[in-house]
Amino acid sequence: MDAIDLLAEQPRPEGTAEYGSTELRRMHVGRYRVLYEITEATVTIVVIHVGRTG
């Protein structure tokens, strides 16, 4: 959850990738994949899914 909290400061950190559009992104944190959406107008990050990768 600490990695997700850091998205508030840097919503597009190194190691994340676009997932269909520039506002929908994914990142891996250990064994988990986090999909999230960035809304610039209100500076909101919505975590869509957190799930295990293996």
PDB file of N, CA and C in Angstrom:
ATOM      1  N   MET A   1       0.822  -1.198   0.000  1.00  0.00           N
ATOM      2  CA  MET A   1       0.000   0.000   0.000  1.00  0.00           C
ATOM      3  C   MET A   1       0.865   1.261   0.000  1.00  0.00           C
ATOM      4  N   ASP A   2       2.090   1.157   0.475  1.00  0.00           N
ATOM      5  CA  ASP A   2       2.977   2.321   0.467  1.00  0.00           C
ATOM      6  C   ASP A   2       3.256   2.790  -0.959  1.00  0.00           C
ATOM      7  N   ALA A   3       3.434   1.833  -1.886  1.00  0.00           N
ATOM      8  CA  ALA A   3       3.683   2.193  -3.286  1.00  0.00           C
ATOM      9  C   ALA A   3       2.493   2.936  -3.873  1.00  0.00           C
ATOM     10  N   ILE A   4       1.289   2.539  -3.508  1.00  0.00           N
ATOM     11  CA  ILE A   4       0.089   3.211  -4.000  1.00  0.00           C
ATOM     12  C   ILE A   4       0.002   4.619  -3.422  1.00  0.00           C
ATOM     13  N   ASP A   5       0.344   4.783  -2.157  1.00  0.00           N
ATOM     14  CA  ASP A   5       0.329   6.109  -1.543  1.00  0.00           C
ATOM     15  C   ASP A   5       1.292   7.064  -2.249  1.00  0.00           C
ATOM     16  N   LEU A   6       2.414   6.547  -2.731  1.00  0.00           N
ATOM     17  CA  LEU A   6       3.399   7.385  -3.415  1.00  0.00           C
ATOM     18  C   LEU A   6       2.889   7.909  -4.756  1.00  0.00           C
ATOM     19  N   LEU A   7       1.863   7.285  -5.324  1.00  0.00           N
ATOM     20  CA  LEU A   7       1.299   7.752  -6.589  1.00  0.00           C
ATOM     21  C   LEU A   7       0.700   9.147  -6.457  1.00  0.00           C
ATOM     22  N   ALA A   8       0.320   9.545  -5.266  1.00  0.00           N
ATOM     23  CA  ALA A   8      -0.216  10.890  -5.053  1.00  0.00           C
ATOM     24  C   ALA A   8       0.835  11.948  -5.362  1.00  0.00           C
ATOM     25  N   GLU A   9       2.094  11.637  -5.098  1.00  0.00           N
ATOM     26  CA  GLU A   9       3.200  12.562  -5.353  1.00  0.00           C
ATOM     27  C   GLU A   9       3.696  12.468  -6.793  1.00  0.00           C
ATOM     28  N   GLN A  10       3.771  11.249  -7.317  1.00  0.00           N
ATOM     29  CA  GLN A  10       4.290  10.994  -8.663  1.00  0.00           C
ATOM     30  C   GLN A  10       3.395   9.968  -9.346  1.00  0.00           C
ATOM     31  N   PRO A  11       2.373  10.384 -10.084  1.00  0.00           N
ATOM     32  CA  PRO A  11       1.407   9.444 -10.652  1.00  0.00           C
ATOM     33  C   PRO A  11       1.950   8.590 -11.796  1.00  0.00           C
ATOM     34  N   ARG A  12       3.073   8.976 -12.384  1.00  0.00           N
ATOM     35  CA  ARG A  12       3.663   8.200 -13.483  1.00  0.00           C
ATOM     36  C   ARG A  12       5.123   7.874 -13.175  1.00  0.00           C
ATOM     37  N   PRO A  13       5.371   7.118 -12.110  1.00  0.00           N
ATOM     38  CA  PRO A  13       6.765   6.821 -11.763  1.00  0.00           C
ATOM     39  C   PRO A  13       7.411   5.876 -12.775  1.00  0.00           C
ATOM     40  N   GLU A  14       8.722   5.861 -12.766  1.00  0.00           N
ATOM     41  CA  GLU A  14       9.463   4.937 -13.616  1.00  0.00           C
ATOM     42  C   GLU A  14       9.069   3.508 -13.247  1.00  0.00           C
ATOM     43  N   GLY A  15       8.898   2.676 -14.250  1.00  0.00           N
ATOM     44  CA  GLY A  15       8.500   1.298 -14.000  1.00  0.00           C
ATOM     45  C   GLY A  15       7.016   1.053 -14.189  1.00  0.00           C
ATOM     46  N   THR A  16       6.234   2.117 -14.418  1.00  0.00           N
ATOM     47  CA  THR A  16       4.816   1.933 -14.724  1.00  0.00           C
ATOM     48  C   THR A  16       4.643   1.985 -16.232  1.00  0.00           C
ATOM     49  N   ALA A  17       3.529   1.444 -16.712  1.00  0.00           N
ATOM     50  CA  ALA A  17       3.287   1.404 -18.146  1.00  0.00           C
ATOM     51  C   ALA A  17       1.856   1.808 -18.456  1.00  0.00           C
ATOM     52  N   GLU A  18       1.683   2.387 -19.646  1.00  0.00           N
ATOM     53  CA  GLU A  18       0.331   2.706 -20.104  1.00  0.00           C
ATOM     54  C   GLU A  18      -0.424   1.404 -20.325  1.00  0.00           C
ATOM     55  N   TYR A  19      -1.713   1.443 -20.094  1.00  0.00           N
ATOM     56  CA  TYR A  19      -2.548   0.259 -20.267  1.00  0.00           C
ATOM     57  C   TYR A  19      -3.761   0.630 -21.116  1.00  0.00           C
ATOM     58  N   GLY A  20      -3.526   0.831 -22.394  1.00  0.00           N
ATOM     59  CA  GLY A  20      -4.604   1.178 -23.311  1.00  0.00           C
ATOM     60  C   GLY A  20      -4.731   2.658 -23.596  1.00  0.00           C
ATOM     61  N   SER A  21      -4.437   3.505 -22.626  1.00  0.00           N
ATOM     62  CA  SER A  21      -4.447   4.957 -22.823  1.00  0.00           C
ATOM     63  C   SER A  21      -3.429   5.571 -21.870  1.00  0.00           C
ATOM     64  N   THR A  22      -3.151   6.855 -22.073  1.00  0.00           N
ATOM     65  CA  THR A  22      -2.157   7.506 -21.214  1.00  0.00           C
ATOM     66  C   THR A  22      -2.651   7.702 -19.792  1.00  0.00           C
ATOM     67  N   GLU A  23      -3.965   7.691 -19.587  1.00  0.00           N
ATOM     68  CA  GLU A  23      -4.525   7.906 -18.250  1.00  0.00           C
ATOM     69  C   GLU A  23      -4.732   6.610 -17.475  1.00  0.00           C
ATOM     70  N   LEU A  24      -4.732   5.485 -18.153  1.00  0.00           N
ATOM     71  CA  LEU A  24      -4.878   4.183 -17.504  1.00  0.00           C
ATOM     72  C   LEU A  24      -3.502   3.542 -17.471  1.00  0.00           C
ATOM     73  N   ARG A  25      -3.019   3.206 -16.273  1.00  0.00           N
ATOM     74  CA  ARG A  25      -1.651   2.712 -16.131  1.00  0.00           C
ATOM     75  C   ARG A  25      -1.627   1.463 -15.255  1.00  0.00           C
ATOM     76  N   ARG A  26      -0.509   0.753 -15.317  1.00  0.00           N
ATOM     77  CA  ARG A  26      -0.318  -0.422 -14.467  1.00  0.00           C
ATOM     78  C   ARG A  26       1.093  -0.396 -13.901  1.00  0.00           C
ATOM     79  N   MET A  27       1.236  -1.025 -12.745  1.00  0.00           N
ATOM     80  CA  MET A  27       2.550  -1.165 -12.137  1.00  0.00           C
ATOM     81  C   MET A  27       2.589  -2.457 -11.355  1.00  0.00           C
ATOM     82  N   HIS A  28       3.777  -2.977 -11.187  1.00  0.00           N
ATOM     83  CA  HIS A  28       3.973  -4.197 -10.413  1.00  0.00           C
ATOM     84  C   HIS A  28       4.631  -3.816  -9.093  1.00  0.00           C
ATOM     85  N   VAL A  29       4.098  -4.376  -8.026  1.00  0.00           N
ATOM     86  CA  VAL A  29       4.654  -4.169  -6.689  1.00  0.00           C
ATOM     87  C   VAL A  29       4.804  -5.553  -6.078  1.00  0.00           C
ATOM     88  N   GLY A  30       6.025  -6.071  -6.093  1.00  0.00           N
ATOM     89  CA  GLY A  30       6.237  -7.439  -5.610  1.00  0.00           C
ATOM     90  C   GLY A  30       5.465  -8.420  -6.467  1.00  0.00           C
ATOM     91  N   ARG A  31       4.620  -9.235  -5.843  1.00  0.00           N
ATOM     92  CA  ARG A  31       3.808 -10.222  -6.557  1.00  0.00           C
ATOM     93  C   ARG A  31       2.475  -9.669  -7.025  1.00  0.00           C
ATOM     94  N   TYR A  32       2.252  -8.378  -6.875  1.00  0.00           N
ATOM     95  CA  TYR A  32       0.960  -7.786  -7.188  1.00  0.00           C
ATOM     96  C   TYR A  32       1.038  -6.856  -8.395  1.00  0.00           C
ATOM     97  N   ARG A  33      -0.048  -6.787  -9.137  1.00  0.00           N
ATOM     98  CA  ARG A  33      -0.201  -5.841 -10.227  1.00  0.00           C
ATOM     99  C   ARG A  33      -1.284  -4.853  -9.816  1.00  0.00           C
ATOM    100  N   VAL A  34      -1.012  -3.579 -10.016  1.00  0.00           N
ATOM    101  CA  VAL A  34      -1.955  -2.518  -9.666  1.00  0.00           C
ATOM    102  C   VAL A  34      -2.354  -1.800 -10.955  1.00  0.00           C
ATOM    103  N   LEU A  35      -3.646  -1.763 -11.246  1.00  0.00           N
ATOM    104  CA  LEU A  35      -4.167  -0.975 -12.359  1.00  0.00           C
ATOM    105  C   LEU A  35      -4.786   0.281 -11.779  1.00  0.00           C
ATOM    106  N   TYR A  36      -4.460   1.427 -12.357  1.00  0.00           N
ATOM    107  CA  TYR A  36      -5.009   2.671 -11.826  1.00  0.00           C
ATOM    108  C   TYR A  36      -5.241   3.679 -12.936  1.00  0.00           C
ATOM    109  N   GLU A  37      -6.137   4.621 -12.666  1.00  0.00           N
ATOM    110  CA  GLU A  37      -6.496   5.658 -13.619  1.00  0.00           C
ATOM    111  C   GLU A  37      -6.159   7.017 -13.030  1.00  0.00           C
ATOM    112  N   ILE A  38      -5.619   7.893 -13.860  1.00  0.00           N
ATOM    113  CA  ILE A  38      -5.245   9.237 -13.433  1.00  0.00           C
ATOM    114  C   ILE A  38      -6.241  10.221 -14.035  1.00  0.00           C
ATOM    115  N   THR A  39      -6.816  11.061 -13.202  1.00  0.00           N
ATOM    116  CA  THR A  39      -7.708  12.125 -13.655  1.00  0.00           C
ATOM    117  C   THR A  39      -7.039  13.450 -13.328  1.00  0.00           C
ATOM    118  N   GLU A  40      -6.510  14.116 -14.340  1.00  0.00           N
ATOM    119  CA  GLU A  40      -5.747  15.347 -14.142  1.00  0.00           C
ATOM    120  C   GLU A  40      -6.600  16.518 -13.651  1.00  0.00           C
ATOM    121  N   ALA A  41      -7.828  16.606 -14.091  1.00  0.00           N
ATOM    122  CA  ALA A  41      -8.662  17.763 -13.770  1.00  0.00           C
ATOM    123  C   ALA A  41      -8.823  17.953 -12.262  1.00  0.00           C
ATOM    124  N   THR A  42      -8.958  16.866 -11.525  1.00  0.00           N
ATOM    125  CA  THR A  42      -9.145  16.967 -10.079  1.00  0.00           C
ATOM    126  C   THR A  42      -7.990  16.339  -9.306  1.00  0.00           C
ATOM    127  N   VAL A  43      -6.918  15.989  -9.981  1.00  0.00           N
ATOM    128  CA  VAL A  43      -5.765  15.336  -9.391  1.00  0.00           C
ATOM    129  C   VAL A  43      -6.221  14.156  -8.536  1.00  0.00           C
ATOM    130  N   THR A  44      -6.859  13.215  -9.181  1.00  0.00           N
ATOM    131  CA  THR A  44      -7.374  12.023  -8.517  1.00  0.00           C
ATOM    132  C   THR A  44      -6.764  10.785  -9.133  1.00  0.00           C
ATOM    133  N   ILE A  45      -6.375   9.859  -8.301  1.00  0.00           N
ATOM    134  CA  ILE A  45      -5.895   8.557  -8.766  1.00  0.00           C
ATOM    135  C   ILE A  45      -6.854   7.511  -8.213  1.00  0.00           C
ATOM    136  N   VAL A  46      -7.449   6.738  -9.104  1.00  0.00           N
ATOM    137  CA  VAL A  46      -8.406   5.711  -8.717  1.00  0.00           C
ATOM    138  C   VAL A  46      -7.757   4.358  -8.970  1.00  0.00           C
ATOM    139  N   VAL A  47      -7.551   3.581  -7.911  1.00  0.00           N
ATOM    140  CA  VAL A  47      -7.000   2.235  -8.053  1.00  0.00           C
ATOM    141  C   VAL A  47      -8.149   1.337  -8.467  1.00  0.00           C
ATOM    142  N   ILE A  48      -8.014   0.720  -9.636  1.00  0.00           N
ATOM    143  CA  ILE A  48      -9.077  -0.091 -10.203  1.00  0.00           C
ATOM    144  C   ILE A  48      -8.992  -1.532  -9.721  1.00  0.00           C
ATOM    145  N   HIS A  49      -7.791  -2.056  -9.626  1.00  0.00           N
ATOM    146  CA  HIS A  49      -7.641  -3.458  -9.268  1.00  0.00           C
ATOM    147  C   HIS A  49      -6.257  -3.700  -8.678  1.00  0.00           C
ATOM    148  N   VAL A  50      -6.184  -4.495  -7.635  1.00  0.00           N
ATOM    149  CA  VAL A  50      -4.933  -4.997  -7.083  1.00  0.00           C
ATOM    150  C   VAL A  50      -5.058  -6.503  -7.051  1.00  0.00           C
ATOM    151  N   GLY A  51      -4.184  -7.210  -7.755  1.00  0.00           N
ATOM    152  CA  GLY A  51      -4.277  -8.658  -7.801  1.00  0.00           C
ATOM    153  C   GLY A  51      -2.915  -9.295  -7.924  1.00  0.00           C
ATOM    154  N   ARG A  52      -2.828 -10.549  -7.520  1.00  0.00           N
ATOM    155  CA  ARG A  52      -1.573 -11.293  -7.613  1.00  0.00           C
ATOM    156  C   ARG A  52      -1.256 -11.623  -9.060  1.00  0.00           C
ATOM    157  N   THR A  53       0.029 -11.647  -9.384  1.00  0.00           N
ATOM    158  CA  THR A  53       0.444 -11.950 -10.740  1.00  0.00           C
ATOM    159  C   THR A  53       0.791 -13.415 -10.924  1.00  0.00           C
ATOM    160  N   GLY A  54       0.979 -14.149  -9.873  1.00  0.00           N
ATOM    161  CA  GLY A  54       1.390 -15.532 -10.048  1.00  0.00           C
ATOM    162  C   GLY A  54       0.732 -16.497  -9.214  1.00  0.00           C
TER     163      GLY A  54
END
